[in-house]
Amino acid sequence: MTSLGLILLSSFLCHVVIAGRTCPKPDDLPFAVVVPLKSVYEPGEQIVYSCLPGYVSRGGMRRFICPLSGMWPPNTLRCQPRVCPFAGILENGAVRYTTFEYPNTISFACNTGFYLNGTSSVKCTEEGKWSQALPVCAPVKCPPPPVPKFAKLRVYETSSGNNSIYRDTVGFECLPNYAMFGNDTVTCTAHGNWTELPECREVKCPFPSRPENGFVNYPAKPALYYKDKATFGCHDTYVLDGLEEVECSKLGNWSALPSCKASCKLSVKKATVLYKGERVKLQEQFKNGMLHGEKVSFFCKNKEKKCSYTEEAQCIDGTIEIPKCFKEHSSLAFWKTDASDVKPC
C-alpha cells in the first residue's frame, strides 16, 4: 500500500513539473510573421513562420512544436527580398539605382537630345516584377525647317520620316544676287527646334572705276550684284598691283580695287647684277626698263677687305633707288675691276 502511494505521488509531481515548462514567445525574424503569435505556448502547440509578401524563405525550418523542455529549437530561417529582372542599362540614357530588390525603386534619365518615352521610375513589386514597363530614350525630333526668304535648301536629309532628329543639319543657299548673313547650316537642337536661320539680302555694288593707265571690264547690265566679277588690266609698261579679277562682296563693295604701277627707267647703263639668283647684264635684261615690283641685287666693293657684297634694289611705281655703294665704271676705265668680278666677302 505504501509503495502504490509513492508511485502515484511521483507521477503527480512529474506531471506538475512537466506541465509548468511552457514555451515563451518565439523570436522575431526580419520580414517574417508567426501564426499563432502568443506570449506562452503549452508543450505540443505548433507555430508556423511565414515570410511577408515580397520576401522568400531561404534555409531553416518554418514549422515548430513547443517541446517538453519549454525551449524552442534554433531557428535558421531567413526571409530575403525578391529580386526583379536586371534593368541597369538604358540606351542613350542612365539608370539610377541601389539594388533591384523589393521594395526598391529605380529611376531613369536620358542623355541630351533624347527624351524619356515611358515612366521616369518603376518599383520592384511583391511578385518580383517591375511595376510598369521599362522606358526607352527616344531621339528628340525637329519638324521640317522653314526656308528663309530668297533662299533654297542645299542639303536636307531626314533621319525619321519627314522629321529630323537631334544634331541633324540642314544647309541653305541664297538665290542669285542675294548674300547670306548668318550660318548657312542649321542644326536640330536638344529642344526640338532649329538653330538660328540665316538671312538672304539683295546686295549691289557700285560700278568699279577704271584705274589710271589701265582698264576694267564688267558685265554689261544696269546694276552689279553680289558675286558679280570685274577684271582689270594695264597699258604697256605698267603692271597691275593687285588681283586681276575681283568680286562684288556681301558688304556691297569690291573685294579689292587694283592699280597700275609704272615701270622704272634705269640710270645705270652698264652693270652685272643678280636677278632671280642668276648673273645678268642689266643693260640687256632690262633694256625696256624694269617692271614694277621686280628686284635686282647690285655688286659693291668692300675696299678694306678687298671683297664684294650685294645690295638689293626694287622698282616701286616708276622709282628705283640704286645702292650708293654701287660704282658704275666707264668703258674707258679698262684698268678698274668690276665689283661683280671680285671674290665675295
Protein backbone atom coordinates (compact mmCIF):
# COMPACT_ATOMS: atom_id res chain seq x y z
CA MET A 1 0.00 0.00 0.00
CA THR A 2 2.82 2.29 0.78
CA SER A 3 4.59 1.53 -2.49
CA LEU A 4 1.47 2.26 -4.56
CA GLY A 5 1.07 5.64 -2.90
CA LEU A 6 4.64 6.60 -3.57
CA ILE A 7 4.24 5.73 -7.24
CA LEU A 8 1.09 7.85 -7.61
CA LEU A 9 2.68 10.75 -5.78
CA SER A 10 5.78 10.66 -8.01
CA SER A 11 3.64 10.59 -11.16
CA PHE A 12 1.64 13.59 -9.98
CA LEU A 13 4.74 15.63 -9.14
CA CYS A 14 6.35 14.78 -12.50
CA HIS A 15 3.19 15.88 -14.33
CA VAL A 16 3.16 19.16 -12.43
CA VAL A 17 6.80 19.81 -13.30
CA ILE A 18 6.34 18.97 -17.00
CA ALA A 19 3.16 20.95 -17.27
CA GLY A 20 4.95 24.02 -15.94
CA ARG A 21 7.57 24.07 -18.75
CA THR A 22 5.75 26.27 -21.26
CA CYS A 23 7.46 27.85 -24.34
CA PRO A 24 7.93 31.61 -24.42
CA LYS A 25 7.05 33.99 -27.24
CA PRO A 26 9.13 32.93 -30.28
CA ASP A 27 11.97 35.08 -31.60
CA ASP A 28 11.20 37.80 -34.12
CA LEU A 29 12.66 37.18 -37.54
CA PRO A 30 13.13 40.06 -40.00
CA PHE A 31 10.39 40.23 -42.63
CA ALA A 32 8.53 37.22 -41.14
CA VAL A 33 5.33 36.63 -39.11
CA VAL A 34 4.41 33.83 -36.66
CA VAL A 35 1.00 32.13 -36.55
CA PRO A 36 -0.34 31.89 -33.94
CA LEU A 37 1.51 34.54 -32.03
CA LYS A 38 1.16 34.28 -28.25
CA SER A 39 3.22 35.11 -25.21
CA VAL A 40 3.12 31.50 -23.87
CA TYR A 41 2.73 28.10 -25.54
CA GLU A 42 1.91 24.76 -23.97
CA PRO A 43 4.05 21.76 -24.85
CA GLY A 44 2.79 20.23 -28.06
CA GLU A 45 1.46 23.51 -29.52
CA GLN A 46 2.59 24.30 -33.06
CA ILE A 47 3.71 27.59 -34.66
CA VAL A 48 4.43 28.40 -38.32
CA TYR A 49 6.74 31.14 -39.64
CA SER A 50 5.78 32.82 -42.93
CA CYS A 51 7.72 35.42 -44.92
CA LEU A 52 6.00 38.73 -45.61
CA PRO A 53 4.80 39.47 -49.15
CA GLY A 54 7.76 40.39 -51.31
CA TYR A 55 10.11 38.07 -49.41
CA VAL A 56 11.02 34.43 -49.87
CA SER A 57 12.36 31.91 -47.33
CA ARG A 58 15.94 30.74 -47.54
CA GLY A 59 17.08 27.79 -45.36
CA GLY A 60 15.87 26.74 -41.93
CA MET A 61 12.55 25.32 -40.71
CA ARG A 62 9.22 27.09 -40.92
CA ARG A 63 7.16 24.83 -38.56
CA PHE A 64 7.94 24.28 -34.84
CA ILE A 65 6.27 22.40 -31.89
CA CYS A 66 6.73 23.52 -28.32
CA PRO A 67 8.82 20.74 -26.71
CA LEU A 68 8.51 19.42 -23.17
CA SER A 69 11.71 21.25 -22.36
CA GLY A 70 9.95 24.61 -22.95
CA MET A 71 12.75 25.80 -25.25
CA TRP A 72 12.21 26.47 -28.92
CA PRO A 73 14.80 24.83 -31.16
CA PRO A 74 17.24 27.13 -33.00
CA ASN A 75 15.66 28.88 -35.97
CA THR A 76 17.87 29.49 -39.05
CA LEU A 77 15.05 30.68 -41.30
CA ARG A 78 15.88 33.80 -43.36
CA CYS A 79 13.40 35.86 -45.37
CA GLN A 80 15.10 37.57 -48.29
CA PRO A 81 13.59 40.16 -50.65
CA ARG A 82 12.55 39.12 -54.13
CA VAL A 83 14.82 40.37 -56.94
CA CYS A 84 13.38 41.99 -60.06
CA PRO A 85 14.96 41.44 -63.51
CA PHE A 86 18.17 43.38 -64.29
CA ALA A 87 17.39 46.87 -65.59
CA GLY A 88 20.72 48.64 -65.26
CA ILE A 89 21.21 49.60 -68.93
CA LEU A 90 19.26 52.30 -70.76
CA GLU A 91 20.50 53.09 -74.27
CA ASN A 92 21.17 56.83 -74.67
CA GLY A 93 20.38 57.33 -71.00
CA ALA A 94 21.19 56.30 -67.44
CA VAL A 95 19.55 54.22 -64.69
CA ARG A 96 19.82 55.35 -61.07
CA TYR A 97 19.51 52.51 -58.56
CA THR A 98 20.94 50.89 -55.43
CA THR A 99 19.59 47.33 -55.87
CA PHE A 100 16.88 45.64 -57.90
CA GLU A 101 15.30 44.10 -54.76
CA TYR A 102 11.79 44.57 -53.39
CA PRO A 103 10.66 47.25 -52.44
CA ASN A 104 13.29 49.48 -54.06
CA THR A 105 12.53 52.00 -56.78
CA ILE A 106 14.81 52.81 -59.74
CA SER A 107 14.68 55.98 -61.85
CA PHE A 108 15.63 56.83 -65.42
CA ALA A 109 17.11 59.84 -67.24
CA CYS A 110 18.03 60.40 -70.89
CA ASN A 111 21.10 61.96 -72.43
CA THR A 112 20.96 65.37 -74.09
CA GLY A 113 18.97 65.20 -77.31
CA PHE A 114 16.79 62.29 -76.13
CA TYR A 115 13.52 62.20 -74.24
CA LEU A 116 12.02 59.58 -71.92
CA ASN A 117 9.35 57.58 -73.70
CA GLY A 118 7.62 55.98 -70.71
CA THR A 119 7.71 56.31 -66.95
CA SER A 120 10.51 58.08 -65.10
CA SER A 121 10.64 55.45 -62.31
CA VAL A 122 9.47 51.90 -61.54
CA LYS A 123 9.20 49.89 -58.31
CA CYS A 124 10.08 46.26 -57.69
CA THR A 125 6.78 44.67 -56.61
CA GLU A 126 5.98 41.82 -54.19
CA GLU A 127 5.89 39.40 -57.12
CA GLY A 128 9.46 40.32 -58.18
CA LYS A 129 8.27 42.22 -61.25
CA TRP A 130 8.60 45.88 -62.20
CA SER A 131 5.52 47.96 -61.54
CA GLN A 132 5.50 49.31 -65.11
CA ALA A 133 7.15 48.62 -68.45
CA LEU A 134 10.69 49.97 -68.66
CA PRO A 135 11.02 53.20 -70.71
CA VAL A 136 13.25 53.93 -73.69
CA CYS A 137 15.18 57.07 -74.64
CA ALA A 138 13.94 58.30 -78.00
CA PRO A 139 15.74 60.98 -80.02
CA VAL A 140 14.31 64.49 -79.98
CA LYS A 141 12.75 65.34 -83.35
CA CYS A 142 12.59 68.61 -85.24
CA PRO A 143 9.93 69.41 -87.83
CA PRO A 144 10.98 70.40 -91.36
CA PRO A 145 12.84 73.72 -91.09
CA PRO A 146 11.37 76.89 -92.55
CA VAL A 147 13.23 78.12 -95.61
CA PRO A 148 14.42 81.75 -95.32
CA LYS A 149 13.11 84.26 -97.84
CA PHE A 150 15.17 84.39 -101.04
CA ALA A 151 16.88 81.09 -100.11
CA LYS A 152 16.63 77.44 -101.08
CA LEU A 153 17.62 74.16 -99.48
CA ARG A 154 21.10 72.97 -100.36
CA VAL A 155 21.19 69.80 -98.23
CA TYR A 156 18.22 68.23 -96.45
CA GLU A 157 18.25 64.56 -95.47
CA THR A 158 15.75 63.44 -92.83
CA SER A 159 16.52 60.68 -90.32
CA SER A 160 12.96 59.96 -89.21
CA GLY A 161 10.28 60.18 -91.87
CA ASN A 162 9.64 63.83 -92.61
CA ASN A 163 11.34 64.89 -89.40
CA SER A 164 14.94 65.37 -88.40
CA ILE A 165 16.48 64.19 -85.15
CA TYR A 166 18.87 65.77 -82.69
CA ARG A 167 22.10 67.00 -84.33
CA ASP A 168 20.79 66.60 -87.89
CA THR A 169 21.80 69.53 -90.09
CA VAL A 170 20.20 71.37 -92.99
CA GLY A 171 22.06 73.59 -95.46
CA PHE A 172 20.76 76.65 -97.32
CA GLU A 173 21.98 78.79 -100.17
CA CYS A 174 20.73 82.16 -101.33
CA LEU A 175 19.21 82.87 -104.71
CA PRO A 176 21.36 84.73 -107.27
CA ASN A 177 22.14 88.36 -106.36
CA TYR A 178 21.45 87.66 -102.68
CA ALA A 179 24.10 87.32 -99.98
CA MET A 180 23.79 85.18 -96.87
CA PHE A 181 24.11 86.70 -93.43
CA GLY A 182 24.43 84.11 -90.70
CA ASN A 183 25.37 80.44 -90.75
CA ASP A 184 24.35 78.62 -93.92
CA THR A 185 23.84 75.43 -91.87
CA VAL A 186 21.29 74.99 -89.08
CA THR A 187 21.17 72.14 -86.56
CA CYS A 188 18.33 70.32 -84.80
CA THR A 189 18.74 71.15 -81.10
CA ALA A 190 18.04 69.16 -77.95
CA HIS A 191 14.87 71.24 -77.51
CA GLY A 192 13.32 70.10 -80.79
CA ASN A 193 13.87 73.32 -82.68
CA TRP A 194 16.45 74.62 -85.16
CA THR A 195 19.36 76.92 -84.53
CA GLU A 196 19.04 80.47 -85.85
CA LEU A 197 18.15 80.68 -89.54
CA PRO A 198 20.30 82.77 -91.88
CA GLU A 199 19.03 85.79 -93.81
CA CYS A 200 19.39 86.40 -97.55
CA ARG A 201 19.67 90.05 -98.61
CA GLU A 202 19.99 91.60 -102.06
CA VAL A 203 23.42 93.21 -102.39
CA LYS A 204 24.51 95.71 -105.07
CA CYS A 205 27.98 97.07 -105.75
CA PRO A 206 28.85 100.36 -107.49
CA PHE A 207 30.40 100.16 -110.93
CA PRO A 208 34.19 99.79 -110.45
CA SER A 209 36.28 102.73 -111.56
CA ARG A 210 38.96 102.39 -114.24
CA PRO A 211 42.48 102.52 -112.83
CA GLU A 212 44.82 105.20 -114.10
CA ASN A 213 46.87 103.86 -117.01
CA GLY A 214 44.64 100.80 -117.17
CA PHE A 215 41.17 99.44 -117.96
CA VAL A 216 38.35 97.47 -116.34
CA ASN A 217 35.74 95.03 -117.72
CA TYR A 218 32.48 94.02 -116.03
CA PRO A 219 29.08 92.59 -117.06
CA ALA A 220 27.03 94.86 -119.27
CA LYS A 221 23.87 95.22 -117.21
CA PRO A 222 22.03 98.02 -115.34
CA ALA A 223 23.40 97.04 -111.92
CA LEU A 224 26.10 94.83 -110.47
CA TYR A 225 25.18 92.38 -107.72
CA TYR A 226 26.74 90.08 -105.15
CA LYS A 227 29.34 87.74 -106.69
CA ASP A 228 29.45 89.65 -109.98
CA LYS A 229 33.04 89.92 -111.18
CA ALA A 230 35.20 92.61 -112.75
CA THR A 231 38.59 92.16 -114.46
CA PHE A 232 41.40 94.74 -114.61
CA GLY A 233 44.39 95.28 -116.87
CA CYS A 234 47.10 97.86 -117.50
CA HIS A 235 48.57 99.57 -120.55
CA ASP A 236 52.06 98.77 -121.83
CA THR A 237 54.95 99.42 -119.40
CA TYR A 238 52.53 99.34 -116.46
CA VAL A 239 51.99 96.47 -114.07
CA LEU A 240 48.77 95.58 -112.22
CA ASP A 241 49.26 95.88 -108.48
CA GLY A 242 46.61 93.55 -107.03
CA LEU A 243 44.26 90.86 -108.29
CA GLU A 244 43.29 90.76 -111.94
CA GLU A 245 39.76 89.60 -111.06
CA VAL A 246 37.71 90.98 -108.16
CA GLU A 247 34.23 90.17 -106.87
CA CYS A 248 31.29 92.10 -105.50
CA SER A 249 31.28 91.23 -101.79
CA LYS A 250 28.33 90.75 -99.42
CA LEU A 251 29.18 94.15 -97.88
CA GLY A 252 28.30 95.92 -101.12
CA ASN A 253 31.86 96.74 -102.13
CA TRP A 254 34.54 95.14 -104.26
CA SER A 255 36.89 92.61 -102.73
CA ALA A 256 39.80 94.78 -103.95
CA LEU A 257 40.50 97.53 -106.46
CA PRO A 258 43.92 97.13 -108.06
CA SER A 259 46.01 99.93 -109.56
CA CYS A 260 48.51 100.20 -112.39
CA LYS A 261 52.11 100.86 -111.41
CA ALA A 262 54.71 102.41 -113.72
CA SER A 263 57.93 100.70 -114.81
CA CYS A 264 61.34 102.12 -113.92
CA LYS A 265 63.85 103.69 -116.27
CA LEU A 266 67.37 102.81 -115.21
CA SER A 267 70.02 105.45 -114.86
CA VAL A 268 72.74 102.80 -114.87
CA LYS A 269 73.88 101.97 -118.36
CA LYS A 270 76.19 99.06 -117.63
CA ALA A 271 76.24 96.65 -114.70
CA THR A 272 76.24 92.96 -113.84
CA VAL A 273 73.50 92.22 -111.31
CA LEU A 274 71.82 89.26 -109.66
CA TYR A 275 68.31 88.68 -110.97
CA LYS A 276 66.31 85.71 -109.66
CA GLY A 277 69.54 84.10 -108.44
CA GLU A 278 71.42 84.46 -111.72
CA ARG A 279 74.01 86.93 -113.01
CA VAL A 280 72.65 89.05 -115.86
CA LYS A 281 73.66 92.16 -117.77
CA LEU A 282 71.44 94.97 -116.57
CA GLN A 283 71.51 96.74 -119.93
CA GLU A 284 70.38 93.57 -121.72
CA GLN A 285 67.83 92.16 -119.29
CA PHE A 286 66.08 95.48 -118.71
CA LYS A 287 66.65 97.38 -121.94
CA ASN A 288 62.97 98.41 -121.92
CA GLY A 289 63.01 99.29 -118.25
CA MET A 290 62.27 97.35 -115.08
CA LEU A 291 58.67 96.50 -114.28
CA HIS A 292 57.06 97.48 -111.01
CA GLY A 293 57.88 95.02 -108.24
CA GLU A 294 60.96 93.50 -109.87
CA LYS A 295 64.14 93.22 -107.80
CA VAL A 296 67.84 93.04 -108.60
CA SER A 297 70.97 92.94 -106.45
CA PHE A 298 73.92 95.20 -107.29
CA PHE A 299 77.52 94.22 -106.53
CA CYS A 300 79.51 96.54 -104.27
CA LYS A 301 83.16 96.52 -103.15
CA ASN A 302 84.47 96.35 -99.62
CA LYS A 303 87.77 98.17 -100.12
CA GLU A 304 89.17 97.28 -96.70
CA LYS A 305 88.60 93.57 -97.07
CA LYS A 306 89.01 93.63 -100.84
CA CYS A 307 85.88 91.57 -101.43
CA SER A 308 82.38 92.11 -102.83
CA TYR A 309 78.86 92.04 -101.41
CA THR A 310 75.39 92.75 -102.79
CA GLU A 311 72.60 95.21 -102.01
CA GLU A 312 69.04 94.85 -103.29
CA ALA A 313 67.06 97.41 -105.26
CA GLN A 314 63.40 97.23 -106.26
CA CYS A 315 61.28 99.09 -108.79
CA ILE A 316 58.37 100.74 -106.99
CA ASP A 317 55.86 102.53 -109.25
CA GLY A 318 58.42 104.09 -111.59
CA THR A 319 61.12 104.70 -108.96
CA ILE A 320 64.19 102.66 -108.12
CA GLU A 321 66.97 103.64 -105.74
CA ILE A 322 70.36 102.48 -106.89
CA PRO A 323 72.51 101.42 -103.88
CA LYS A 324 75.01 104.15 -103.00
CA CYS A 325 77.77 101.59 -102.69
CA PHE A 326 77.46 100.66 -106.37
CA LYS A 327 80.02 102.31 -108.67
CA GLU A 328 79.49 102.28 -112.41
CA HIS A 329 82.77 102.27 -114.32
CA SER A 330 83.22 103.99 -117.65
CA SER A 331 84.12 101.76 -120.55
CA LEU A 332 87.32 103.82 -120.83
CA ALA A 333 88.43 102.82 -117.33
CA PHE A 334 89.53 99.38 -118.51
CA TRP A 335 92.10 99.03 -115.73
CA LYS A 336 89.42 99.01 -112.99
CA THR A 337 87.97 95.71 -111.82
CA ASP A 338 84.19 95.48 -111.71
CA ALA A 339 82.73 94.61 -108.29
CA SER A 340 80.97 91.56 -109.75
CA ASP A 341 84.39 90.09 -110.59
CA VAL A 342 85.76 90.45 -107.06
CA LYS A 343 85.58 87.45 -104.72
CA PRO A 344 82.60 87.58 -102.36
CA CYS A 345 83.16 88.56 -98.74
